[in-house]
C-alpha atoms as a PDB file:
ATOM      1  CA  MET A   1     -40.073 113.552  -0.090  1.00  0.00           C
ATOM      2  CA  VAL A   2     -37.395 116.088   0.881  1.00  0.00           C
ATOM      3  CA  SER A   3     -34.639 116.426  -1.700  1.00  0.00           C
ATOM      4  CA  VAL A   4     -30.951 116.875  -0.952  1.00  0.00           C
ATOM      5  CA  LYS A   5     -31.133 120.335  -2.501  1.00  0.00           C
ATOM      6  CA  ARG A   6     -33.915 121.318  -0.105  1.00  0.00           C
ATOM      7  CA  TRP A   7     -31.909 119.924   2.809  1.00  0.00           C
ATOM      8  CA  LYS A   8     -28.872 121.987   1.785  1.00  0.00           C
ATOM      9  CA  ALA A   9     -31.034 125.088   1.480  1.00  0.00           C
ATOM     10  CA  GLY A  10     -32.431 124.387   4.917  1.00  0.00           C
ATOM     11  CA  MET A  11     -28.937 124.019   6.362  1.00  0.00           C
ATOM     12  CA  GLY A  12     -27.943 127.343   4.812  1.00  0.00           C
ATOM     13  CA  LEU A  13     -30.928 129.016   6.435  1.00  0.00           C
ATOM     14  CA  LEU A  14     -30.127 127.323   9.728  1.00  0.00           C
ATOM     15  CA  ALA A  15     -26.547 128.586   9.596  1.00  0.00           C
ATOM     16  CA  ALA A  16     -27.836 132.121   9.038  1.00  0.00           C
ATOM     17  CA  LEU A  17     -30.160 131.789  12.029  1.00  0.00           C
ATOM     18  CA  LEU A  18     -27.330 130.528  14.201  1.00  0.00           C
ATOM     19  CA  LEU A  19     -25.118 133.428  13.214  1.00  0.00           C
ATOM     20  CA  GLY A  20     -27.998 135.742  13.983  1.00  0.00           C
ATOM     21  CA  GLY A  21     -28.117 134.448  17.543  1.00  0.00           C
ATOM     22  CA  CYS A  22     -31.365 132.484  17.303  1.00  0.00           C
ATOM     23  CA  VAL A  23     -32.216 129.856  19.868  1.00  0.00           C
ATOM     24  CA  ILE A  24     -31.276 126.722  17.909  1.00  0.00           C
ATOM     25  CA  GLN A  25     -27.949 126.028  19.578  1.00  0.00           C
ATOM     26  CA  PHE A  26     -27.783 122.372  20.645  1.00  0.00           C
ATOM     27  CA  SER A  27     -26.516 119.543  18.487  1.00  0.00           C
ATOM     28  CA  ALA A  28     -26.459 115.750  18.736  1.00  0.00           C
ATOM     29  CA  GLN A  29     -24.744 112.969  16.818  1.00  0.00           C
ATOM     30  CA  ASN A  30     -24.820 109.186  16.861  1.00  0.00           C
ATOM     31  CA  ASP A  31     -23.736 106.103  14.923  1.00  0.00           C
ATOM     32  CA  TYR A  32     -26.443 104.847  12.603  1.00  0.00           C
ATOM     33  CA  GLU A  33     -26.831 101.163  11.794  1.00  0.00           C
ATOM     34  CA  GLU A  34     -29.857  99.396  10.362  1.00  0.00           C
ATOM     35  CA  ILE A  35     -30.503  95.985   8.820  1.00  0.00           C
ATOM     36  CA  PHE A  36     -33.073  95.302   6.081  1.00  0.00           C
ATOM     37  CA  GLY A  37     -34.046  91.835   4.836  1.00  0.00           C
ATOM     38  CA  PHE A  38     -33.290  91.520   1.116  1.00  0.00           C
ATOM     39  CA  ASP A  39     -35.413  88.481   0.291  1.00  0.00           C
ATOM     40  CA  GLY A  40     -37.472  89.050  -2.863  1.00  0.00           C
ATOM     41  CA  PHE A  41     -35.502  92.085  -4.057  1.00  0.00           C
ATOM     42  CA  SER A  42     -32.781  92.505  -6.660  1.00  0.00           C
ATOM     43  CA  VAL A  43     -31.849  96.203  -6.394  1.00  0.00           C
ATOM     44  CA  VAL A  44     -31.279  98.624  -3.529  1.00  0.00           C
ATOM     45  CA  ARG A  45     -32.173 102.218  -4.411  1.00  0.00           C
ATOM     46  CA  ILE A  46     -30.875 104.838  -1.944  1.00  0.00           C
ATOM     47  CA  ILE A  47     -32.561 108.243  -2.086  1.00  0.00           C
ATOM     48  CA  ASN A  48     -31.785 111.643  -0.531  1.00  0.00           C
ATOM     49  CA  VAL A  49     -28.521 110.633   1.118  1.00  0.00           C
ATOM     50  CA  ASP A  50     -25.496 112.754   0.241  1.00  0.00           C
ATOM     51  CA  GLY A  51     -21.778 112.357   0.909  1.00  0.00           C
ATOM     52  CA  ASP A  52     -19.276 109.508   0.592  1.00  0.00           C
ATOM     53  CA  MET A  53     -20.657 105.971   0.398  1.00  0.00           C
ATOM     54  CA  ASN A  54     -18.858 102.606   0.488  1.00  0.00           C
ATOM     55  CA  LEU A  55     -20.897  99.436  -0.141  1.00  0.00           C
ATOM     56  CA  ARG A  56     -19.521  95.883  -0.279  1.00  0.00           C
ATOM     57  CA  GLY A  57     -21.081  92.641  -1.467  1.00  0.00           C
ATOM     58  CA  MET A  58     -20.960  89.654   0.894  1.00  0.00           C
ATOM     59  CA  GLU A  59     -22.492  86.209   1.313  1.00  0.00           C
ATOM     60  CA  THR A  60     -25.454  87.469   3.307  1.00  0.00           C
ATOM     61  CA  GLY A  61     -29.217  87.758   3.001  1.00  0.00           C
ATOM     62  CA  ASP A  62     -29.479  91.244   4.503  1.00  0.00           C
ATOM     63  CA  VAL A  63     -28.685  94.843   3.651  1.00  0.00           C
ATOM     64  CA  LYS A  64     -26.709  96.391   6.503  1.00  0.00           C
ATOM     65  CA  LEU A  65     -26.116 100.117   6.246  1.00  0.00           C
ATOM     66  CA  ARG A  66     -23.990 102.115   8.646  1.00  0.00           C
ATOM     67  CA  GLY A  67     -23.316 105.802   8.973  1.00  0.00           C
ATOM     68  CA  THR A  68     -23.676 108.887  11.140  1.00  0.00           C
ATOM     69  CA  GLY A  69     -26.773 110.823  12.174  1.00  0.00           C
ATOM     70  CA  PHE A  70     -26.719 114.545  12.945  1.00  0.00           C
ATOM     71  CA  ALA A  71     -29.376 116.774  14.492  1.00  0.00           C
ATOM     72  CA  MET A  72     -29.906 120.226  16.034  1.00  0.00           C
ATOM     73  CA  GLY A  73     -32.512 121.661  18.377  1.00  0.00           C
ATOM     74  CA  ARG A  74     -33.455 124.486  20.716  1.00  0.00           C
ATOM     75  CA  THR A  75     -32.584 122.319  23.709  1.00  0.00           C
ATOM     76  CA  GLU A  76     -30.371 119.289  24.214  1.00  0.00           C
ATOM     77  CA  GLU A  77     -33.466 117.125  24.556  1.00  0.00           C
ATOM     78  CA  ASP A  78     -34.877 118.657  21.362  1.00  0.00           C
ATOM     79  CA  ALA A  79     -31.695 117.788  19.463  1.00  0.00           C
ATOM     80  CA  ARG A  80     -31.754 114.199  20.742  1.00  0.00           C
ATOM     81  CA  ARG A  81     -35.408 113.896  19.756  1.00  0.00           C
ATOM     82  CA  ASN A  82     -34.636 115.153  16.241  1.00  0.00           C
ATOM     83  CA  LEU A  83     -31.776 112.675  16.026  1.00  0.00           C
ATOM     84  CA  ARG A  84     -34.302 109.818  16.001  1.00  0.00           C
ATOM     85  CA  LEU A  85     -35.331 111.028  12.537  1.00  0.00           C
ATOM     86  CA  ALA A  86     -31.829 110.385  11.127  1.00  0.00           C
ATOM     87  CA  ARG A  87     -32.802 107.057   9.616  1.00  0.00           C
ATOM     88  CA  LEU A  88     -33.885 105.429   6.368  1.00  0.00           C
ATOM     89  CA  ASP A  89     -37.468 104.498   5.527  1.00  0.00           C
ATOM     90  CA  MET A  90     -37.925 101.316   3.461  1.00  0.00           C
ATOM     91  CA  THR A  91     -40.525 101.088   0.708  1.00  0.00           C
ATOM     92  CA  PRO A  92     -40.840  98.017  -1.546  1.00  0.00           C
ATOM     93  CA  ASP A  93     -41.367  98.609  -5.265  1.00  0.00           C
ATOM     94  CA  LEU A  94     -41.593  95.326  -7.181  1.00  0.00           C
ATOM     95  CA  THR A  95     -37.990  94.058  -7.164  1.00  0.00           C
ATOM     96  CA  GLU A  96     -36.545  97.298  -5.787  1.00  0.00           C
ATOM     97  CA  MET A  97     -35.901  98.010  -2.130  1.00  0.00           C
ATOM     98  CA  ILE A  98     -36.193 101.787  -1.821  1.00  0.00           C
ATOM     99  CA  LEU A  99     -34.347 103.258   1.158  1.00  0.00           C
ATOM    100  CA  GLU A 100     -35.050 106.958   1.605  1.00  0.00           C
ATOM    101  CA  PHE A 101     -33.959 109.630   4.054  1.00  0.00           C
ATOM    102  CA  ASP A 102     -37.134 111.705   4.317  1.00  0.00           C
ATOM    103  CA  PRO A 103     -37.491 113.841   7.465  1.00  0.00           C
ATOM    104  CA  PRO A 104     -40.684 115.855   8.038  1.00  0.00           C
ATOM    105  CA  ARG A 105     -40.783 119.240   6.348  1.00  0.00           C
ATOM    106  CA  ASP A 106     -40.506 121.136   9.617  1.00  0.00           C
ATOM    107  CA  LYS A 107     -37.279 119.246  10.406  1.00  0.00           C
ATOM    108  CA  VAL A 108     -35.495 119.993   7.134  1.00  0.00           C
ATOM    109  CA  GLY A 109     -32.153 121.548   8.023  1.00  0.00           C
ATOM    110  CA  LEU A 110     -32.296 120.198  11.574  1.00  0.00           C
ATOM    111  CA  VAL A 111     -31.444 116.564  10.850  1.00  0.00           C
ATOM    112  CA  ASP A 112     -29.090 114.782   8.454  1.00  0.00           C
ATOM    113  CA  LEU A 113     -27.878 111.264   7.715  1.00  0.00           C
ATOM    114  CA  ARG A 114     -24.617 110.227   6.089  1.00  0.00           C
ATOM    115  CA  LEU A 115     -23.796 106.632   5.140  1.00  0.00           C
ATOM    116  CA  ASP A 116     -20.119 107.311   5.764  1.00  0.00           C
ATOM    117  CA  ARG A 117     -19.187 103.906   7.197  1.00  0.00           C
ATOM    118  CA  LEU A 118     -18.866 100.614   5.322  1.00  0.00           C
ATOM    119  CA  GLY A 119     -22.206  99.024   4.409  1.00  0.00           C
ATOM    120  CA  THR A 120     -22.743  95.431   3.277  1.00  0.00           C
ATOM    121  CA  LEU A 121     -25.233  93.912   0.830  1.00  0.00           C
ATOM    122  CA  PRO A 122     -25.891  90.479  -0.660  1.00  0.00           C
ATOM    123  CA  ILE A 123     -23.282  89.847  -3.322  1.00  0.00           C
ATOM    124  CA  GLU A 124     -25.984  89.484  -6.020  1.00  0.00           C
ATOM    125  CA  ALA A 125     -27.567  92.869  -5.214  1.00  0.00           C
ATOM    126  CA  GLY A 126     -27.708  95.787  -7.594  1.00  0.00           C
ATOM    127  CA  VAL A 127     -27.427  99.393  -6.391  1.00  0.00           C
ATOM    128  CA  THR A 128     -28.916 102.644  -7.657  1.00  0.00           C
ATOM    129  CA  VAL A 129     -27.684 105.821  -5.967  1.00  0.00           C
ATOM    130  CA  ALA A 130     -27.060 109.456  -6.868  1.00  0.00           C
ATOM    131  CA  VAL A 131     -25.321 112.021  -4.658  1.00  0.00           C
ATOM    132  CA  GLU A 132     -24.559 115.669  -5.232  1.00  0.00           C
ATOM    133  CA  ASP A 133     -21.236 115.639  -3.412  1.00  0.00           C
ATOM    134  CA  GLY A 134     -19.297 112.514  -2.432  1.00  0.00           C
ATOM    135  CA  ASP A 135     -17.232 109.523  -3.512  1.00  0.00           C
ATOM    136  CA  LEU A 136     -19.035 106.282  -4.370  1.00  0.00           C
ATOM    137  CA  VAL A 137     -17.100 103.059  -3.759  1.00  0.00           C
ATOM    138  CA  MET A 138     -18.672  99.706  -4.702  1.00  0.00           C
ATOM    139  CA  GLU A 139     -16.910  96.405  -4.013  1.00  0.00           C
ATOM    140  CA  ASP A 140     -17.716  92.801  -4.981  1.00  0.00           C
ATOM    141  CA  LEU A 141     -21.295  93.428  -6.112  1.00  0.00           C
ATOM    142  CA  HIS A 142     -22.651  91.331  -9.005  1.00  0.00           C
ATOM    143  CA  GLY A 143     -25.938  93.108  -9.688  1.00  0.00           C
ATOM    144  CA  ALA A 144     -26.594  96.094 -11.956  1.00  0.00           C
ATOM    145  CA  LEU A 145     -25.016  99.312 -10.680  1.00  0.00           C
ATOM    146  CA  THR A 146     -26.349 102.778 -11.547  1.00  0.00           C
ATOM    147  CA  LEU A 147     -24.128 105.375  -9.889  1.00  0.00           C
ATOM    148  CA  GLU A 148     -23.960 109.152 -10.162  1.00  0.00           C
ATOM    149  CA  THR A 149     -22.103 111.883  -8.299  1.00  0.00           C
ATOM    150  CA  GLY A 150     -22.019 115.599  -8.998  1.00  0.00           C
ATOM    151  CA  LYS A 151     -18.666 116.195  -7.337  1.00  0.00           C
ATOM    152  CA  GLY A 152     -16.606 113.162  -6.402  1.00  0.00           C
ATOM    153  CA  ASP A 153     -15.041 109.973  -7.717  1.00  0.00           C
ATOM    154  CA  ILE A 154     -16.589 106.582  -8.516  1.00  0.00           C
ATOM    155  CA  SER A 155     -14.815 103.268  -8.001  1.00  0.00           C
ATOM    156  CA  VAL A 156     -16.220  99.819  -8.882  1.00  0.00           C
ATOM    157  CA  THR A 157     -14.034  96.805  -8.093  1.00  0.00           C
ATOM    158  CA  GLY A 158     -14.533  93.071  -7.864  1.00  0.00           C
ATOM    159  CA  GLY A 159     -15.226  92.437 -11.540  1.00  0.00           C
ATOM    160  CA  GLY A 160     -18.710  91.044 -11.026  1.00  0.00           C
ATOM    161  CA  PRO A 161     -21.393  93.603 -12.026  1.00  0.00           C
ATOM    162  CA  SER A 162     -23.508  92.585 -15.027  1.00  0.00           C
ATOM    163  CA  ILE A 163     -24.208  96.214 -15.960  1.00  0.00           C
ATOM    164  CA  VAL A 164     -22.463  99.372 -14.758  1.00  0.00           C
ATOM    165  CA  SER A 165     -23.519 102.939 -15.469  1.00  0.00           C
ATOM    166  CA  ALA A 166     -21.175 105.364 -13.715  1.00  0.00           C
ATOM    167  CA  VAL A 167     -21.423 109.148 -14.123  1.00  0.00           C
ATOM    168  CA  ALA A 168     -19.138 111.598 -12.295  1.00  0.00           C
ATOM    169  CA  ASP A 169     -19.752 115.190 -13.417  1.00  0.00           C
ATOM    170  CA  ASP A 170     -16.641 116.490 -11.643  1.00  0.00           C
ATOM    171  CA  GLY A 171     -14.420 113.546 -10.759  1.00  0.00           C
ATOM    172  CA  ASP A 172     -12.654 110.408 -11.914  1.00  0.00           C
ATOM    173  CA  VAL A 173     -14.235 107.040 -12.667  1.00  0.00           C
ATOM    174  CA  SER A 174     -12.607 103.626 -12.289  1.00  0.00           C
ATOM    175  CA  VAL A 175     -14.660 100.544 -13.204  1.00  0.00           C
ATOM    176  CA  GLU A 176     -13.844  96.837 -13.207  1.00  0.00           C
ATOM    177  CA  ALA A 177     -16.736  94.728 -14.498  1.00  0.00           C
ATOM    178  CA  GLU A 178     -17.681  91.708 -16.567  1.00  0.00           C
ATOM    179  CA  GLY A 179     -20.768  93.110 -18.279  1.00  0.00           C
ATOM    180  CA  GLU A 180     -21.997  96.158 -20.134  1.00  0.00           C
ATOM    181  CA  ILE A 181     -20.241  99.357 -19.029  1.00  0.00           C
ATOM    182  CA  ILE A 182     -21.219 102.998 -19.553  1.00  0.00           C
ATOM    183  CA  VAL A 183     -18.840 105.591 -18.088  1.00  0.00           C
ATOM    184  CA  GLU A 184     -19.064 109.388 -18.164  1.00  0.00           C
ATOM    185  CA  SER A 185     -16.414 111.324 -16.278  1.00  0.00           C
ATOM    186  CA  GLY A 186     -15.500 114.973 -15.779  1.00  0.00           C
ATOM    187  CA  GLY A 187     -11.991 113.749 -14.960  1.00  0.00           C
ATOM    188  CA  GLN A 188     -10.089 110.663 -16.015  1.00  0.00           C
ATOM    189  CA  ALA A 189     -11.677 107.298 -16.735  1.00  0.00           C
ATOM    190  CA  HIS A 190     -10.118 103.884 -16.238  1.00  0.00           C
ATOM    191  CA  VAL A 191     -12.027 100.767 -17.279  1.00  0.00           C
ATOM    192  CA  LEU A 192     -11.040  97.116 -16.920  1.00  0.00           C
ATOM    193  CA  ALA A 193     -13.458  95.048 -19.006  1.00  0.00           C
ATOM    194  CA  ASP A 194     -13.167  91.358 -18.230  1.00  0.00           C
ATOM    195  CA  GLY A 195     -15.226  88.453 -19.506  1.00  0.00           C
ATOM    196  CA  VAL A 196     -17.392  90.603 -21.784  1.00  0.00           C
ATOM    197  CA  ASP A 197     -19.048  88.573 -24.552  1.00  0.00           C
ATOM    198  CA  GLY A 198     -21.503  90.220 -26.907  1.00  0.00           C
ATOM    199  CA  ARG A 199     -21.843  93.291 -24.683  1.00  0.00           C
ATOM    200  CA  SER A 200     -20.679  96.852 -25.142  1.00  0.00           C
ATOM    201  CA  LEU A 201     -18.497  99.334 -23.315  1.00  0.00           C
ATOM    202  CA  THR A 202     -18.783 103.103 -23.716  1.00  0.00           C
ATOM    203  CA  ALA A 203     -16.416 105.549 -22.016  1.00  0.00           C
ATOM    204  CA  GLU A 204     -16.510 109.330 -22.318  1.00  0.00           C
ATOM    205  CA  THR A 205     -14.655 112.124 -20.514  1.00  0.00           C
ATOM    206  CA  ASP A 206     -14.687 115.898 -20.629  1.00  0.00           C
ATOM    207  CA  GLY A 207     -11.303 116.560 -22.207  1.00  0.00           C
ATOM    208  CA  GLU A 208      -9.410 114.124 -19.978  1.00  0.00           C
ATOM    209  CA  SER A 209      -7.838 110.771 -20.816  1.00  0.00           C
ATOM    210  CA  ILE A 210      -9.585 107.417 -21.077  1.00  0.00           C
ATOM    211  CA  HIS A 211      -7.813 104.139 -20.343  1.00  0.00           C
ATOM    212  CA  VAL A 212      -9.585 100.912 -21.305  1.00  0.00           C
ATOM    213  CA  GLU A 213      -7.879  97.622 -20.431  1.00  0.00           C
ATOM    214  CA  ILE A 214      -9.217  94.421 -21.974  1.00  0.00           C
ATOM    215  CA  PRO A 215      -7.782  91.009 -21.093  1.00  0.00           C
ATOM    216  CA  LEU A 216      -8.223  89.286 -24.424  1.00  0.00           C
ATOM    217  CA  GLN A 217      -9.555  85.770 -24.825  1.00  0.00           C
ATOM    218  CA  ASP A 218     -10.209  85.319 -28.550  1.00  0.00           C
ATOM    219  CA  PHE A 219     -12.299  88.441 -28.844  1.00  0.00           C
ATOM    220  CA  GLU A 220     -12.646  90.982 -31.600  1.00  0.00           C
ATOM    221  CA  ILE A 221     -12.860  94.620 -30.485  1.00  0.00           C
ATOM    222  CA  SER A 222     -14.257  97.479 -32.515  1.00  0.00           C
ATOM    223  CA  CYS A 223     -13.505 101.014 -31.271  1.00  0.00           C
ATOM    224  CA  TYR A 224     -15.402 104.050 -32.499  1.00  0.00           C
ATOM    225  CA  PRO A 225     -13.723 107.336 -31.520  1.00  0.00           C
ATOM    226  CA  ASP A 226     -15.856 110.480 -31.597  1.00  0.00           C
ATOM    227  CA  GLY A 227     -13.885 113.709 -31.355  1.00  0.00           C
ATOM    228  CA  GLY A 228     -10.781 112.096 -29.865  1.00  0.00           C
ATOM    229  CA  ASN A 229      -7.750 110.162 -30.970  1.00  0.00           C
ATOM    230  CA  ILE A 230      -7.354 106.533 -29.975  1.00  0.00           C
ATOM    231  CA  GLU A 231      -4.015 104.930 -29.290  1.00  0.00           C
ATOM    232  CA  ILE A 232      -3.811 101.156 -29.017  1.00  0.00           C
ATOM    233  CA  SER A 233      -1.072  99.685 -26.880  1.00  0.00           C
ATOM    234  CA  ALA A 234      -0.606  95.914 -26.971  1.00  0.00           C
ATOM    235  CA  SER A 235       2.006  93.470 -25.783  1.00  0.00           C
ATOM    236  CA  LEU A 236       3.932  91.379 -28.303  1.00  0.00           C
ATOM    237  CA  ASP A 237       1.955  88.448 -29.729  1.00  0.00           C
ATOM    238  CA  ALA A 238      -1.257  89.944 -28.394  1.00  0.00           C
ATOM    239  CA  GLY A 239      -2.758  90.398 -31.849  1.00  0.00           C
ATOM    240  CA  THR A 240      -3.097  92.847 -34.722  1.00  0.00           C
ATOM    241  CA  ALA A 241      -4.761  96.250 -35.125  1.00  0.00           C
ATOM    242  CA  GLN A 242      -6.331  97.454 -38.359  1.00  0.00           C
ATOM    243  CA  GLU A 243      -7.511 100.897 -39.501  1.00  0.00           C
ATOM    244  CA  LEU A 244     -10.818 100.373 -41.311  1.00  0.00           C
ATOM    245  CA  GLY A 245     -11.706 103.992 -42.133  1.00  0.00           C
ATOM    246  CA  ASP A 246     -14.306 106.362 -40.685  1.00  0.00           C
ATOM    247  CA  GLY A 247     -12.438 106.315 -37.389  1.00  0.00           C
ATOM    248  CA  LEU A 248     -13.024 102.591 -36.895  1.00  0.00           C
ATOM    249  CA  ILE A 249     -10.206 100.543 -35.416  1.00  0.00           C
ATOM    250  CA  ARG A 250     -10.548  96.778 -35.209  1.00  0.00           C
ATOM    251  CA  TYR A 251      -8.276  94.730 -33.004  1.00  0.00           C
ATOM    252  CA  VAL A 252      -8.143  90.953 -33.329  1.00  0.00           C
ATOM    253  CA  ARG A 253      -6.251  88.850 -30.851  1.00  0.00           C
ATOM    254  CA  GLY A 254      -3.614  86.397 -31.988  1.00  0.00           C
ATOM    255  CA  ASN A 255      -1.947  84.002 -29.528  1.00  0.00           C
ATOM    256  CA  GLY A 256      -0.927  84.511 -25.958  1.00  0.00           C
ATOM    257  CA  ASP A 257      -2.814  85.711 -22.941  1.00  0.00           C
ATOM    258  CA  LYS A 258      -2.265  89.450 -23.191  1.00  0.00           C
ATOM    259  CA  LYS A 259      -4.027  92.727 -22.487  1.00  0.00           C
ATOM    260  CA  ILE A 260      -4.530  95.737 -24.711  1.00  0.00           C
ATOM    261  CA  THR A 261      -4.997  99.316 -23.600  1.00  0.00           C
ATOM    262  CA  LEU A 262      -6.991 101.893 -25.566  1.00  0.00           C
ATOM    263  CA  ARG A 263      -6.351 105.559 -24.866  1.00  0.00           C
ATOM    264  CA  SER A 264      -8.313 108.579 -26.014  1.00  0.00           C
ATOM    265  CA  ASN A 265      -7.494 112.240 -25.432  1.00  0.00           C
ATOM    266  CA  GLY A 266     -11.036 113.059 -24.448  1.00  0.00           C
ATOM    267  CA  GLY A 267     -13.405 111.795 -27.111  1.00  0.00           C
ATOM    268  CA  PRO A 268     -15.788 108.906 -26.342  1.00  0.00           C
ATOM    269  CA  ILE A 269     -14.775 105.318 -27.022  1.00  0.00           C
ATOM    270  CA  LEU A 270     -17.361 102.682 -27.860  1.00  0.00           C
ATOM    271  CA  VAL A 271     -15.935  99.186 -27.528  1.00  0.00           C
ATOM    272  CA  GLN A 272     -17.936  96.181 -28.666  1.00  0.00           C
ATOM    273  CA  LEU A 273     -16.530  92.765 -27.792  1.00  0.00           C
ATOM    274  CA  TYR A 274     -17.588  89.541 -29.445  1.00  0.00           C
ATOM    275  CA  GLN A 275     -16.128  86.268 -30.589  1.00  0.00           C
ATOM    276  CA  PRO A 276     -14.981  86.442 -34.243  1.00  0.00           C
END
């Protein structure tokens, strides 16, 4: 397996060779599109692909990924031949479909693949992906999502995921989900927790603000700040807030169909929702 770090190192070496006037001087590029049958799987794990990625859930039985392949070579024919390696290899692992970009060692730095065009998955699919540099956008997916980016933003919309873990070391995170949510952000975090019953929500940022919106439907919310101050903003008739000591704030809904917003100046917020 060739890691993204090794690929980047290879590209740096290749750039040095090119500047030095070496013979690798031809490049090739094409649109990548591949379809994988999803029957028998529950999660798609994408490995060794960097850059922006946008995946959308649909009523389909296949995983359809689209992007751009890049390659270099000593001749034009060489570059085109290397371009055939800009693809994903599929390996089954129990309920996981593992899709990996894994060129041969002697081609590291000469070929790359970016999933920079919209991909589609079955709506019930989960996704596991980590990139070093790129935005991750997930839409209308109901499976468990495990997302990580070193430098970029994460967006989850559609409200369906049962579990979301979203980590952006240097970027903002925005999550809309019905299940358990774990958010870590180097920038701002915005969470819309809808339909959560007996699950938990944890949001943490590195000195930036956290916004948690909860459409209330006879739920009790307990918020545990750690190193930050929490401000509760609620519409009239939405309910009552109580200070219970030790940094614990409990919010119980009254009548009406309202939302509350919890804000922290940087400390983590743990929100547990359950019916009182």
